Amino acid sequence: MTREGSERAAAERLTSGIQPETARLVLQRCLAGDLPPASALRELYDMTAEPERVRSLVDHVTDRAAVLSRAGDRLLQDRVDELTQLVVEPEKPH
């Protein structure tokens, strides 16, 4: 399996079962490297209009990453960490 294929498989593993399906696909694209974390969060906020729901989705992925990530998933783990950081720390004013 190629590195890209491995990342996609890992992203699918970490987002498996997330509902709604549209949110799962946004997170999957983000974790696979196809969508920047900030853009993924914007899409999730637009989709749900509920910051608590977005936080819950990101927490779910973060928890799964802690349990299911493999040694070769470092890049994917970095994406999870960035996504989590963006949710936890509000943007600082410029």
PDB file of N, CA and C in Angstrom:
ATOM      1  N   MET A   1       0.848  -1.185   0.000  1.00  0.00           N
ATOM      2  CA  MET A   1       0.000   0.000   0.000  1.00  0.00           C
ATOM      3  C   MET A   1       0.886   1.238   0.000  1.00  0.00           C
ATOM      4  N   THR A   2       0.532   2.205  -0.822  1.00  0.00           N
ATOM      5  CA  THR A   2       1.298   3.446  -0.888  1.00  0.00           C
ATOM      6  C   THR A   2       1.072   4.266   0.379  1.00  0.00           C
ATOM      7  N   ARG A   3       1.946   5.233   0.585  1.00  0.00           N
ATOM      8  CA  ARG A   3       1.805   6.116   1.754  1.00  0.00           C
ATOM      9  C   ARG A   3       0.442   6.811   1.721  1.00  0.00           C
ATOM     10  N   GLU A   4       0.075   7.306   0.516  1.00  0.00           N
ATOM     11  CA  GLU A   4      -1.214   7.987   0.380  1.00  0.00           C
ATOM     12  C   GLU A   4      -2.361   7.030   0.683  1.00  0.00           C
ATOM     13  N   GLY A   5      -2.275   5.809   0.188  1.00  0.00           N
ATOM     14  CA  GLY A   5      -3.306   4.806   0.462  1.00  0.00           C
ATOM     15  C   GLY A   5      -3.377   4.475   1.932  1.00  0.00           C
ATOM     16  N   SER A   6      -2.229   4.417   2.574  1.00  0.00           N
ATOM     17  CA  SER A   6      -2.168   4.131   4.004  1.00  0.00           C
ATOM     18  C   SER A   6      -2.815   5.259   4.811  1.00  0.00           C
ATOM     19  N   GLU A   7      -2.543   6.508   4.415  1.00  0.00           N
ATOM     20  CA  GLU A   7      -3.147   7.651   5.106  1.00  0.00           C
ATOM     21  C   GLU A   7      -4.659   7.649   4.933  1.00  0.00           C
ATOM     22  N   ARG A   8      -5.114   7.337   3.735  1.00  0.00           N
ATOM     23  CA  ARG A   8      -6.563   7.293   3.489  1.00  0.00           C
ATOM     24  C   ARG A   8      -7.214   6.189   4.326  1.00  0.00           C
ATOM     25  N   ALA A   9      -6.569   5.043   4.407  1.00  0.00           N
ATOM     26  CA  ALA A   9      -7.105   3.937   5.209  1.00  0.00           C
ATOM     27  C   ALA A   9      -7.157   4.329   6.682  1.00  0.00           C
ATOM     28  N   ALA A  10      -6.127   5.004   7.155  1.00  0.00           N
ATOM     29  CA  ALA A  10      -6.099   5.447   8.553  1.00  0.00           C
ATOM     30  C   ALA A  10      -7.187   6.485   8.805  1.00  0.00           C
ATOM     31  N   ALA A  11      -7.384   7.405   7.864  1.00  0.00           N
ATOM     32  CA  ALA A  11      -8.431   8.423   8.002  1.00  0.00           C
ATOM     33  C   ALA A  11      -9.805   7.758   8.044  1.00  0.00           C
ATOM     34  N   GLU A  12      -9.998   6.755   7.222  1.00  0.00           N
ATOM     35  CA  GLU A  12     -11.269   6.019   7.233  1.00  0.00           C
ATOM     36  C   GLU A  12     -11.463   5.305   8.570  1.00  0.00           C
ATOM     37  N   ARG A  13     -10.393   4.734   9.093  1.00  0.00           N
ATOM     38  CA  ARG A  13     -10.450   4.029  10.378  1.00  0.00           C
ATOM     39  C   ARG A  13     -10.861   4.986  11.500  1.00  0.00           C
ATOM     40  N   LEU A  14     -10.285   6.175  11.493  1.00  0.00           N
ATOM     41  CA  LEU A  14     -10.543   7.131  12.576  1.00  0.00           C
ATOM     42  C   LEU A  14     -11.911   7.793  12.488  1.00  0.00           C
ATOM     43  N   THR A  15     -12.495   7.832  11.312  1.00  0.00           N
ATOM     44  CA  THR A  15     -13.790   8.505  11.150  1.00  0.00           C
ATOM     45  C   THR A  15     -14.954   7.529  11.013  1.00  0.00           C
ATOM     46  N   SER A  16     -14.660   6.256  11.032  1.00  0.00           N
ATOM     47  CA  SER A  16     -15.696   5.227  10.882  1.00  0.00           C
ATOM     48  C   SER A  16     -16.824   5.433  11.905  1.00  0.00           C
ATOM     49  N   GLY A  17     -18.051   5.432  11.409  1.00  0.00           N
ATOM     50  CA  GLY A  17     -19.213   5.526  12.290  1.00  0.00           C
ATOM     51  C   GLY A  17     -19.654   6.929  12.659  1.00  0.00           C
ATOM     52  N   ILE A  18     -18.885   7.932  12.280  1.00  0.00           N
ATOM     53  CA  ILE A  18     -19.260   9.314  12.608  1.00  0.00           C
ATOM     54  C   ILE A  18     -20.495   9.697  11.802  1.00  0.00           C
ATOM     55  N   GLN A  19     -21.428  10.313  12.492  1.00  0.00           N
ATOM     56  CA  GLN A  19     -22.660  10.794  11.863  1.00  0.00           C
ATOM     57  C   GLN A  19     -22.803  12.274  12.161  1.00  0.00           C
ATOM     58  N   PRO A  20     -23.339  13.047  11.274  1.00  0.00           N
ATOM     59  CA  PRO A  20     -23.872  12.670   9.977  1.00  0.00           C
ATOM     60  C   PRO A  20     -22.747  12.315   9.008  1.00  0.00           C
ATOM     61  N   GLU A  21     -23.102  11.623   7.978  1.00  0.00           N
ATOM     62  CA  GLU A  21     -22.155  11.178   6.957  1.00  0.00           C
ATOM     63  C   GLU A  21     -21.380  12.353   6.350  1.00  0.00           C
ATOM     64  N   THR A  22     -22.051  13.479   6.149  1.00  0.00           N
ATOM     65  CA  THR A  22     -21.374  14.636   5.565  1.00  0.00           C
ATOM     66  C   THR A  22     -20.239  15.117   6.473  1.00  0.00           C
ATOM     67  N   ALA A  23     -20.447  15.086   7.787  1.00  0.00           N
ATOM     68  CA  ALA A  23     -19.400  15.479   8.732  1.00  0.00           C
ATOM     69  C   ALA A  23     -18.255  14.469   8.692  1.00  0.00           C
ATOM     70  N   ARG A  24     -18.590  13.189   8.595  1.00  0.00           N
ATOM     71  CA  ARG A  24     -17.564  12.145   8.525  1.00  0.00           C
ATOM     72  C   ARG A  24     -16.684  12.360   7.295  1.00  0.00           C
ATOM     73  N   LEU A  25     -17.314  12.690   6.170  1.00  0.00           N
ATOM     74  CA  LEU A  25     -16.549  12.895   4.940  1.00  0.00           C
ATOM     75  C   LEU A  25     -15.627  14.107   5.024  1.00  0.00           C
ATOM     76  N   VAL A  26     -16.083  15.176   5.671  1.00  0.00           N
ATOM     77  CA  VAL A  26     -15.242  16.360   5.860  1.00  0.00           C
ATOM     78  C   VAL A  26     -14.027  15.983   6.707  1.00  0.00           C
ATOM     79  N   LEU A  27     -14.262  15.290   7.815  1.00  0.00           N
ATOM     80  CA  LEU A  27     -13.154  14.891   8.686  1.00  0.00           C
ATOM     81  C   LEU A  27     -12.219  13.917   7.973  1.00  0.00           C
ATOM     82  N   GLN A  28     -12.770  13.020   7.218  1.00  0.00           N
ATOM     83  CA  GLN A  28     -11.954  12.050   6.484  1.00  0.00           C
ATOM     84  C   GLN A  28     -11.052  12.762   5.470  1.00  0.00           C
ATOM     85  N   ARG A  29     -11.605  13.719   4.734  1.00  0.00           N
ATOM     86  CA  ARG A  29     -10.802  14.493   3.775  1.00  0.00           C
ATOM     87  C   ARG A  29      -9.694  15.259   4.476  1.00  0.00           C
ATOM     88  N   CYS A  30     -10.014  15.809   5.626  1.00  0.00           N
ATOM     89  CA  CYS A  30      -9.027  16.556   6.397  1.00  0.00           C
ATOM     90  C   CYS A  30      -7.896  15.638   6.854  1.00  0.00           C
ATOM     91  N   LEU A  31      -8.243  14.521   7.445  1.00  0.00           N
ATOM     92  CA  LEU A  31      -7.228  13.619   7.977  1.00  0.00           C
ATOM     93  C   LEU A  31      -6.401  12.964   6.878  1.00  0.00           C
ATOM     94  N   ALA A  32      -6.971  12.839   5.692  1.00  0.00           N
ATOM     95  CA  ALA A  32      -6.233  12.273   4.556  1.00  0.00           C
ATOM     96  C   ALA A  32      -5.327  13.317   3.897  1.00  0.00           C
ATOM     97  N   GLY A  33      -5.449  14.577   4.326  1.00  0.00           N
ATOM     98  CA  GLY A  33      -4.606  15.633   3.784  1.00  0.00           C
ATOM     99  C   GLY A  33      -5.190  16.353   2.588  1.00  0.00           C
ATOM    100  N   ASP A  34      -6.459  16.094   2.293  1.00  0.00           N
ATOM    101  CA  ASP A  34      -7.101  16.723   1.135  1.00  0.00           C
ATOM    102  C   ASP A  34      -7.769  18.055   1.465  1.00  0.00           C
ATOM    103  N   LEU A  35      -7.897  18.368   2.749  1.00  0.00           N
ATOM    104  CA  LEU A  35      -8.588  19.574   3.193  1.00  0.00           C
ATOM    105  C   LEU A  35      -7.866  20.103   4.424  1.00  0.00           C
ATOM    106  N   PRO A  36      -7.418  21.358   4.400  1.00  0.00           N
ATOM    107  CA  PRO A  36      -6.727  21.909   5.575  1.00  0.00           C
ATOM    108  C   PRO A  36      -7.647  21.896   6.806  1.00  0.00           C
ATOM    109  N   PRO A  37      -7.085  21.663   7.989  1.00  0.00           N
ATOM    110  CA  PRO A  37      -7.898  21.615   9.206  1.00  0.00           C
ATOM    111  C   PRO A  37      -8.782  22.845   9.414  1.00  0.00           C
ATOM    112  N   ALA A  38      -8.271  24.039   9.145  1.00  0.00           N
ATOM    113  CA  ALA A  38      -9.089  25.247   9.334  1.00  0.00           C
ATOM    114  C   ALA A  38     -10.297  25.241   8.396  1.00  0.00           C
ATOM    115  N   SER A  39     -10.101  24.773   7.181  1.00  0.00           N
ATOM    116  CA  SER A  39     -11.215  24.687   6.227  1.00  0.00           C
ATOM    117  C   SER A  39     -12.213  23.628   6.662  1.00  0.00           C
ATOM    118  N   ALA A  40     -11.709  22.523   7.184  1.00  0.00           N
ATOM    119  CA  ALA A  40     -12.593  21.454   7.662  1.00  0.00           C
ATOM    120  C   ALA A  40     -13.468  21.971   8.807  1.00  0.00           C
ATOM    121  N   LEU A  41     -12.866  22.704   9.721  1.00  0.00           N
ATOM    122  CA  LEU A  41     -13.647  23.244  10.839  1.00  0.00           C
ATOM    123  C   LEU A  41     -14.700  24.225  10.350  1.00  0.00           C
ATOM    124  N   ARG A  42     -14.319  25.069   9.389  1.00  0.00           N
ATOM    125  CA  ARG A  42     -15.296  26.018   8.819  1.00  0.00           C
ATOM    126  C   ARG A  42     -16.480  25.266   8.220  1.00  0.00           C
ATOM    127  N   GLU A  43     -16.186  24.213   7.472  1.00  0.00           N
ATOM    128  CA  GLU A  43     -17.262  23.416   6.874  1.00  0.00           C
ATOM    129  C   GLU A  43     -18.135  22.769   7.950  1.00  0.00           C
ATOM    130  N   LEU A  44     -17.511  22.247   8.988  1.00  0.00           N
ATOM    131  CA  LEU A  44     -18.285  21.612  10.062  1.00  0.00           C
ATOM    132  C   LEU A  44     -19.148  22.631  10.793  1.00  0.00           C
ATOM    133  N   TYR A  45     -18.597  23.818  11.058  1.00  0.00           N
ATOM    134  CA  TYR A  45     -19.387  24.871  11.716  1.00  0.00           C
ATOM    135  C   TYR A  45     -20.558  25.296  10.828  1.00  0.00           C
ATOM    136  N   ASP A  46     -20.294  25.447   9.536  1.00  0.00           N
ATOM    137  CA  ASP A  46     -21.363  25.827   8.606  1.00  0.00           C
ATOM    138  C   ASP A  46     -22.443  24.747   8.555  1.00  0.00           C
ATOM    139  N   MET A  47     -22.017  23.513   8.603  1.00  0.00           N
ATOM    140  CA  MET A  47     -22.922  22.376   8.497  1.00  0.00           C
ATOM    141  C   MET A  47     -23.802  22.217   9.743  1.00  0.00           C
ATOM    142  N   THR A  48     -23.204  22.366  10.913  1.00  0.00           N
ATOM    143  CA  THR A  48     -23.938  22.093  12.147  1.00  0.00           C
ATOM    144  C   THR A  48     -24.461  23.345  12.833  1.00  0.00           C
ATOM    145  N   ALA A  49     -23.762  24.467  12.661  1.00  0.00           N
ATOM    146  CA  ALA A  49     -24.085  25.718  13.360  1.00  0.00           C
ATOM    147  C   ALA A  49     -24.076  25.524  14.881  1.00  0.00           C
ATOM    148  N   GLU A  50     -23.376  24.500  15.339  1.00  0.00           N
ATOM    149  CA  GLU A  50     -23.303  24.202  16.775  1.00  0.00           C
ATOM    150  C   GLU A  50     -21.850  23.959  17.175  1.00  0.00           C
ATOM    151  N   PRO A  51     -21.196  24.941  17.799  1.00  0.00           N
ATOM    152  CA  PRO A  51     -19.803  24.756  18.209  1.00  0.00           C
ATOM    153  C   PRO A  51     -19.597  23.516  19.099  1.00  0.00           C
ATOM    154  N   GLU A  52     -20.576  23.219  19.954  1.00  0.00           N
ATOM    155  CA  GLU A  52     -20.443  22.053  20.837  1.00  0.00           C
ATOM    156  C   GLU A  52     -20.413  20.758  20.026  1.00  0.00           C
ATOM    157  N   ARG A  53     -21.199  20.719  18.962  1.00  0.00           N
ATOM    158  CA  ARG A  53     -21.247  19.521  18.104  1.00  0.00           C
ATOM    159  C   ARG A  53     -19.921  19.344  17.365  1.00  0.00           C
ATOM    160  N   VAL A  54     -19.366  20.452  16.860  1.00  0.00           N
ATOM    161  CA  VAL A  54     -18.077  20.384  16.177  1.00  0.00           C
ATOM    162  C   VAL A  54     -17.009  19.907  17.154  1.00  0.00           C
ATOM    163  N   ARG A  55     -17.013  20.453  18.345  1.00  0.00           N
ATOM    164  CA  ARG A  55     -16.038  20.038  19.374  1.00  0.00           C
ATOM    165  C   ARG A  55     -16.191  18.550  19.666  1.00  0.00           C
ATOM    166  N   SER A  56     -17.414  18.077  19.760  1.00  0.00           N
ATOM    167  CA  SER A  56     -17.677  16.666  20.012  1.00  0.00           C
ATOM    168  C   SER A  56     -17.131  15.780  18.892  1.00  0.00           C
ATOM    169  N   LEU A  57     -17.322  16.195  17.648  1.00  0.00           N
ATOM    170  CA  LEU A  57     -16.804  15.432  16.506  1.00  0.00           C
ATOM    171  C   LEU A  57     -15.274  15.367  16.536  1.00  0.00           C
ATOM    172  N   VAL A  58     -14.642  16.504  16.803  1.00  0.00           N
ATOM    173  CA  VAL A  58     -13.180  16.547  16.848  1.00  0.00           C
ATOM    174  C   VAL A  58     -12.670  15.728  18.038  1.00  0.00           C
ATOM    175  N   ASP A  59     -13.333  15.837  19.181  1.00  0.00           N
ATOM    176  CA  ASP A  59     -12.938  15.037  20.349  1.00  0.00           C
ATOM    177  C   ASP A  59     -13.029  13.548  20.044  1.00  0.00           C
ATOM    178  N   HIS A  60     -14.068  13.155  19.324  1.00  0.00           N
ATOM    179  CA  HIS A  60     -14.253  11.750  18.955  1.00  0.00           C
ATOM    180  C   HIS A  60     -13.071  11.265  18.113  1.00  0.00           C
ATOM    181  N   VAL A  61     -12.685  12.046  17.121  1.00  0.00           N
ATOM    182  CA  VAL A  61     -11.558  11.677  16.263  1.00  0.00           C
ATOM    183  C   VAL A  61     -10.256  11.657  17.071  1.00  0.00           C
ATOM    184  N   THR A  62     -10.090  12.631  17.947  1.00  0.00           N
ATOM    185  CA  THR A  62      -8.887  12.697  18.781  1.00  0.00           C
ATOM    186  C   THR A  62      -8.779  11.461  19.672  1.00  0.00           C
ATOM    187  N   ASP A  63      -9.885  11.086  20.298  1.00  0.00           N
ATOM    188  CA  ASP A  63      -9.897   9.893  21.156  1.00  0.00           C
ATOM    189  C   ASP A  63      -9.577   8.640  20.355  1.00  0.00           C
ATOM    190  N   ARG A  64     -10.181   8.525  19.180  1.00  0.00           N
ATOM    191  CA  ARG A  64      -9.919   7.351  18.331  1.00  0.00           C
ATOM    192  C   ARG A  64      -8.471   7.322  17.875  1.00  0.00           C
ATOM    193  N   ALA A  65      -7.907   8.490  17.577  1.00  0.00           N
ATOM    194  CA  ALA A  65      -6.511   8.552  17.141  1.00  0.00           C
ATOM    195  C   ALA A  65      -5.587   8.055  18.249  1.00  0.00           C
ATOM    196  N   ALA A  66      -5.912   8.404  19.491  1.00  0.00           N
ATOM    197  CA  ALA A  66      -5.090   7.970  20.618  1.00  0.00           C
ATOM    198  C   ALA A  66      -5.110   6.447  20.765  1.00  0.00           C
ATOM    199  N   VAL A  67      -6.237   5.837  20.441  1.00  0.00           N
ATOM    200  CA  VAL A  67      -6.399   4.396  20.608  1.00  0.00           C
ATOM    201  C   VAL A  67      -5.995   3.613  19.360  1.00  0.00           C
ATOM    202  N   LEU A  68      -6.354   4.126  18.186  1.00  0.00           N
ATOM    203  CA  LEU A  68      -6.225   3.346  16.951  1.00  0.00           C
ATOM    204  C   LEU A  68      -5.022   3.688  16.076  1.00  0.00           C
ATOM    205  N   SER A  69      -4.337   4.786  16.351  1.00  0.00           N
ATOM    206  CA  SER A  69      -3.223   5.167  15.485  1.00  0.00           C
ATOM    207  C   SER A  69      -2.104   4.146  15.576  1.00  0.00           C
ATOM    208  N   ARG A  70      -1.452   3.976  14.463  1.00  0.00           N
ATOM    209  CA  ARG A  70      -0.314   3.065  14.368  1.00  0.00           C
ATOM    210  C   ARG A  70       0.963   3.878  14.268  1.00  0.00           C
ATOM    211  N   ALA A  71       2.080   3.223  14.436  1.00  0.00           N
ATOM    212  CA  ALA A  71       3.373   3.918  14.418  1.00  0.00           C
ATOM    213  C   ALA A  71       3.579   4.715  13.129  1.00  0.00           C
ATOM    214  N   GLY A  72       3.108   4.215  12.009  1.00  0.00           N
ATOM    215  CA  GLY A  72       3.310   4.888  10.733  1.00  0.00           C
ATOM    216  C   GLY A  72       2.326   6.011  10.462  1.00  0.00           C
ATOM    217  N   ASP A  73       1.428   6.280  11.390  1.00  0.00           N
ATOM    218  CA  ASP A  73       0.378   7.286  11.188  1.00  0.00           C
ATOM    219  C   ASP A  73       0.791   8.670  11.681  1.00  0.00           C
ATOM    220  N   ARG A  74       2.073   8.980  11.736  1.00  0.00           N
ATOM    221  CA  ARG A  74       2.536  10.234  12.331  1.00  0.00           C
ATOM    222  C   ARG A  74       1.937  11.464  11.636  1.00  0.00           C
ATOM    223  N   LEU A  75       1.918  11.461  10.316  1.00  0.00           N
ATOM    224  CA  LEU A  75       1.370  12.612   9.593  1.00  0.00           C
ATOM    225  C   LEU A  75      -0.110  12.775   9.908  1.00  0.00           C
ATOM    226  N   LEU A  76      -0.816  11.688   9.964  1.00  0.00           N
ATOM    227  CA  LEU A  76      -2.233  11.728  10.296  1.00  0.00           C
ATOM    228  C   LEU A  76      -2.420  12.246  11.726  1.00  0.00           C
ATOM    229  N   GLN A  77      -1.586  11.779  12.644  1.00  0.00           N
ATOM    230  CA  GLN A  77      -1.669  12.242  14.033  1.00  0.00           C
ATOM    231  C   GLN A  77      -1.408  13.746  14.106  1.00  0.00           C
ATOM    232  N   ASP A  78      -0.488  14.239  13.295  1.00  0.00           N
ATOM    233  CA  ASP A  78      -0.220  15.690  13.252  1.00  0.00           C
ATOM    234  C   ASP A  78      -1.464  16.456  12.809  1.00  0.00           C
ATOM    235  N   ARG A  79      -2.189  15.901  11.838  1.00  0.00           N
ATOM    236  CA  ARG A  79      -3.414  16.562  11.369  1.00  0.00           C
ATOM    237  C   ARG A  79      -4.481  16.557  12.463  1.00  0.00           C
ATOM    238  N   VAL A  80      -4.605  15.447  13.173  1.00  0.00           N
ATOM    239  CA  VAL A  80      -5.557  15.366  14.296  1.00  0.00           C
ATOM    240  C   VAL A  80      -5.185  16.409  15.346  1.00  0.00           C
ATOM    241  N   ASP A  81      -3.900  16.503  15.662  1.00  0.00           N
ATOM    242  CA  ASP A  81      -3.442  17.469  16.670  1.00  0.00           C
ATOM    243  C   ASP A  81      -3.756  18.903  16.240  1.00  0.00           C
ATOM    244  N   GLU A  82      -3.522  19.208  14.964  1.00  0.00           N
ATOM    245  CA  GLU A  82      -3.798  20.569  14.475  1.00  0.00           C
ATOM    246  C   GLU A  82      -5.289  20.881  14.545  1.00  0.00           C
ATOM    247  N   LEU A  83      -6.110  19.918  14.156  1.00  0.00           N
ATOM    248  CA  LEU A  83      -7.560  20.080  14.217  1.00  0.00           C
ATOM    249  C   LEU A  83      -8.003  20.329  15.659  1.00  0.00           C
ATOM    250  N   THR A  84      -7.480  19.533  16.570  1.00  0.00           N
ATOM    251  CA  THR A  84      -7.812  19.680  17.989  1.00  0.00           C
ATOM    252  C   THR A  84      -7.377  21.041  18.512  1.00  0.00           C
ATOM    253  N   GLN A  85      -6.170  21.449  18.149  1.00  0.00           N
ATOM    254  CA  GLN A  85      -5.639  22.743  18.604  1.00  0.00           C
ATOM    255  C   GLN A  85      -6.520  23.887  18.141  1.00  0.00           C
ATOM    256  N   LEU A  86      -6.991  23.821  16.906  1.00  0.00           N
ATOM    257  CA  LEU A  86      -7.847  24.885  16.378  1.00  0.00           C
ATOM    258  C   LEU A  86      -9.188  24.958  17.109  1.00  0.00           C
ATOM    259  N   VAL A  87      -9.681  23.826  17.560  1.00  0.00           N
ATOM    260  CA  VAL A  87     -10.956  23.811  18.276  1.00  0.00           C
ATOM    261  C   VAL A  87     -10.771  24.276  19.712  1.00  0.00           C
ATOM    262  N   VAL A  88      -9.682  23.868  20.324  1.00  0.00           N
ATOM    263  CA  VAL A  88      -9.456  24.165  21.739  1.00  0.00           C
ATOM    264  C   VAL A  88      -9.040  25.611  21.966  1.00  0.00           C
ATOM    265  N   GLU A  89      -8.174  26.130  21.123  1.00  0.00           N
ATOM    266  CA  GLU A  89      -7.689  27.496  21.293  1.00  0.00           C
ATOM    267  C   GLU A  89      -8.402  28.436  20.325  1.00  0.00           C
ATOM    268  N   PRO A  90      -9.186  29.353  20.845  1.00  0.00           N
ATOM    269  CA  PRO A  90      -9.849  30.318  19.957  1.00  0.00           C
ATOM    270  C   PRO A  90      -8.794  31.154  19.231  1.00  0.00           C
ATOM    271  N   GLU A  91      -9.156  31.602  18.043  1.00  0.00           N
ATOM    272  CA  GLU A  91      -8.224  32.421  17.270  1.00  0.00           C
ATOM    273  C   GLU A  91      -7.868  33.671  18.041  1.00  0.00           C
ATOM    274  N   LYS A  92      -6.605  34.000  17.987  1.00  0.00           N
ATOM    275  CA  LYS A  92      -6.127  35.210  18.660  1.00  0.00           C
ATOM    276  C   LYS A  92      -6.391  36.403  17.740  1.00  0.00           C
ATOM    277  N   PRO A  93      -6.775  37.546  18.310  1.00  0.00           N
ATOM    278  CA  PRO A  93      -7.007  38.734  17.476  1.00  0.00           C
ATOM    279  C   PRO A  93      -5.707  39.192  16.809  1.00  0.00           C
ATOM    280  N   HIS A  94      -5.826  39.768  15.643  1.00  0.00           N
ATOM    281  CA  HIS A  94      -4.643  40.226  14.900  1.00  0.00           C
ATOM    282  C   HIS A  94      -4.282  41.612  15.279  1.00  0.00           C
TER     283      HIS A  94
END
